[in-house]
Amino acid sequence: MNAEVKRILIVDDSPKDVELTIAALAEKNLANEVVVAEDGEEALDYLHKRGKFVNETGSPAVILLDIKMPKMNGIEVLRYIRSNPEFKFIPVIMVTSSREEKDLIESYKLGANSYVVKPVDIVQFLDAIKVLGQYWAVINEPLPLRMQKE
């Protein structure tokens, strides 16, 4: 088991949703640090350790990725992640308000690990994030790094 506590990367342009997500994760007492990227371009900056993320290290344990964002949407980010050998094994959870079937289908075709529609009800949203954070950042055992590079 990997002793390093990895970060959770939240990619979402809604400050309110980010705040709620962080509060839900904190309520579960997860030790994981949370990093926020406000759009798809910032998410790629984080993964490549450039721009304001130049001093970051390692890869995130999980990426919580919104679809509808400016500059570069979540589908484009997911496509990039899954096409890049360095990042393709990072779990990506689409956490979005989109109930459009085309977004759901495209997300799974591109290799999303899960697709969660943001509930309108705040309690449901918080509960969903708590479960996601605990499972993907704590319980799930990722593919060993040596296997990811093959």
Protein backbone atom coordinates (compact mmCIF):
# COMPACT_ATOMS: atom_id res chain seq x y z
CA MET A 1 0.00 0.00 0.00
CA ASN A 2 1.26 3.49 -0.82
CA ALA A 3 1.90 5.55 2.34
CA GLU A 4 1.92 8.85 0.47
CA VAL A 5 -1.27 10.86 0.94
CA LYS A 6 -2.19 12.07 -2.51
CA ARG A 7 -4.18 15.12 -3.45
CA ILE A 8 -7.70 15.35 -4.73
CA LEU A 9 -7.92 17.61 -7.78
CA ILE A 10 -11.23 19.43 -8.15
CA VAL A 11 -11.77 20.97 -11.58
CA ASP A 12 -14.82 23.21 -11.44
CA ASP A 13 -15.56 26.82 -12.36
CA SER A 14 -18.29 27.22 -9.72
CA PRO A 15 -16.88 28.60 -6.44
CA LYS A 16 -20.05 27.48 -4.66
CA ASP A 17 -19.73 23.87 -5.85
CA VAL A 18 -16.02 23.84 -5.00
CA GLU A 19 -16.75 25.15 -1.50
CA LEU A 20 -19.45 22.51 -0.95
CA THR A 21 -17.19 19.75 -2.26
CA ILE A 22 -14.33 20.74 0.04
CA ALA A 23 -16.70 20.96 3.02
CA ALA A 24 -18.07 17.49 2.28
CA LEU A 25 -14.59 16.00 1.99
CA ALA A 26 -13.50 17.71 5.22
CA GLU A 27 -16.55 16.35 7.01
CA LYS A 28 -15.29 12.82 6.22
CA ASN A 29 -11.94 13.79 7.82
CA LEU A 30 -9.98 12.82 4.73
CA ALA A 31 -6.29 13.59 5.12
CA ASN A 32 -5.95 14.29 1.42
CA GLU A 33 -5.05 17.82 0.43
CA VAL A 34 -7.45 19.36 -2.08
CA VAL A 35 -6.23 21.35 -5.07
CA VAL A 36 -8.63 23.40 -7.18
CA ALA A 37 -8.36 24.19 -10.87
CA GLU A 38 -10.98 26.66 -12.11
CA ASP A 39 -11.12 25.37 -15.69
CA GLY A 40 -9.75 22.69 -17.97
CA GLU A 41 -6.62 24.62 -18.90
CA GLU A 42 -5.71 24.99 -15.21
CA ALA A 43 -6.26 21.25 -14.74
CA LEU A 44 -3.67 20.54 -17.42
CA ASP A 45 -1.35 23.11 -15.85
CA TYR A 46 -1.65 21.19 -12.58
CA LEU A 47 -0.95 17.83 -14.21
CA HIS A 48 2.08 19.23 -16.05
CA LYS A 49 3.31 21.28 -13.05
CA ARG A 50 3.32 24.61 -14.86
CA GLY A 51 1.96 28.10 -14.23
CA LYS A 52 0.74 28.54 -10.67
CA PHE A 53 1.27 24.79 -10.07
CA VAL A 54 4.98 24.75 -10.95
CA ASN A 55 5.98 23.63 -7.43
CA GLU A 56 3.48 20.76 -7.17
CA THR A 57 4.68 17.17 -6.99
CA GLY A 58 3.12 13.83 -7.84
CA SER A 59 -0.21 13.03 -9.44
CA PRO A 60 -3.63 13.34 -7.80
CA ALA A 61 -5.34 10.30 -6.23
CA VAL A 62 -8.50 11.27 -8.06
CA ILE A 63 -9.83 14.06 -10.26
CA LEU A 64 -13.35 15.39 -9.70
CA LEU A 65 -14.10 16.94 -13.08
CA ASP A 66 -16.96 19.21 -14.09
CA ILE A 67 -18.02 19.18 -17.75
CA LYS A 68 -19.39 22.65 -18.44
CA MET A 69 -16.47 25.05 -17.98
CA PRO A 70 -14.93 27.93 -19.92
CA LYS A 71 -11.73 27.66 -22.00
CA MET A 72 -11.59 23.84 -22.04
CA ASN A 73 -14.53 21.69 -20.98
CA GLY A 74 -14.39 18.50 -18.93
CA ILE A 75 -14.86 16.19 -21.92
CA GLU A 76 -11.79 17.75 -23.58
CA VAL A 77 -9.80 17.39 -20.35
CA LEU A 78 -10.83 13.74 -19.97
CA ARG A 79 -9.90 13.04 -23.61
CA TYR A 80 -6.46 14.56 -22.99
CA ILE A 81 -5.90 12.66 -19.73
CA ARG A 82 -6.84 9.29 -21.23
CA SER A 83 -4.65 9.85 -24.31
CA ASN A 84 -1.59 10.70 -22.22
CA PRO A 85 0.34 7.66 -20.87
CA GLU A 86 1.53 9.69 -17.86
CA PHE A 87 -2.02 10.42 -16.66
CA LYS A 88 -4.29 7.77 -18.18
CA PHE A 89 -4.60 5.69 -14.99
CA ILE A 90 -5.65 8.54 -12.69
CA PRO A 91 -9.27 7.94 -11.63
CA VAL A 92 -11.52 10.61 -13.11
CA ILE A 93 -15.00 11.18 -11.73
CA MET A 94 -17.26 13.39 -13.80
CA VAL A 95 -19.16 15.50 -11.23
CA THR A 96 -21.47 17.63 -13.30
CA SER A 97 -24.88 19.20 -13.57
CA SER A 98 -25.23 17.78 -17.09
CA ARG A 99 -27.98 15.22 -17.46
CA GLU A 100 -27.41 15.11 -21.23
CA GLU A 101 -27.11 11.55 -22.46
CA LYS A 102 -24.42 12.53 -24.98
CA ASP A 103 -22.19 13.81 -22.13
CA LEU A 104 -22.74 10.61 -20.13
CA ILE A 105 -21.97 8.37 -23.12
CA GLU A 106 -18.94 10.40 -24.23
CA SER A 107 -17.53 10.43 -20.69
CA TYR A 108 -17.67 6.65 -20.40
CA LYS A 109 -16.38 6.14 -23.96
CA LEU A 110 -13.36 8.26 -23.05
CA GLY A 111 -12.70 6.26 -19.88
CA ALA A 112 -14.35 8.12 -17.01
CA ASN A 113 -14.40 5.97 -13.88
CA SER A 114 -17.74 7.34 -12.77
CA TYR A 115 -20.37 9.90 -13.75
CA VAL A 116 -22.23 11.71 -10.98
CA VAL A 117 -24.92 14.28 -11.63
CA LYS A 118 -24.78 17.08 -9.09
CA PRO A 119 -27.98 16.78 -7.10
CA VAL A 120 -30.02 19.94 -6.76
CA ASP A 121 -30.58 19.03 -3.11
CA ILE A 122 -27.62 20.20 -1.02
CA VAL A 123 -27.76 17.25 1.40
CA GLN A 124 -27.66 14.75 -1.49
CA PHE A 125 -24.74 16.62 -3.05
CA LEU A 126 -22.76 16.56 0.19
CA ASP A 127 -23.49 12.87 0.76
CA ALA A 128 -22.42 11.98 -2.79
CA ILE A 129 -19.11 13.85 -2.46
CA LYS A 130 -18.35 12.26 0.92
CA VAL A 131 -18.77 8.79 -0.54
CA LEU A 132 -16.76 9.61 -3.68
CA GLY A 133 -13.90 11.16 -1.74
CA GLN A 134 -13.62 8.34 0.73
CA TYR A 135 -13.77 5.61 -1.90
CA TRP A 136 -11.40 7.05 -4.51
CA ALA A 137 -8.90 8.77 -2.22
CA VAL A 138 -8.77 6.24 0.62
CA ILE A 139 -10.30 2.84 -0.17
CA ASN A 140 -9.47 2.35 -3.86
CA GLU A 141 -6.07 0.78 -4.49
CA PRO A 142 -4.52 2.42 -7.58
CA LEU A 143 -2.44 0.62 -10.18
CA PRO A 144 1.22 0.57 -8.99
CA LEU A 145 3.33 3.32 -10.57
CA ARG A 146 5.68 0.82 -12.18
CA MET A 147 2.70 -0.70 -14.04
CA GLN A 148 1.44 2.70 -15.17
CA LYS A 149 4.64 3.32 -17.10
CA GLU A 150 4.50 0.08 -19.13
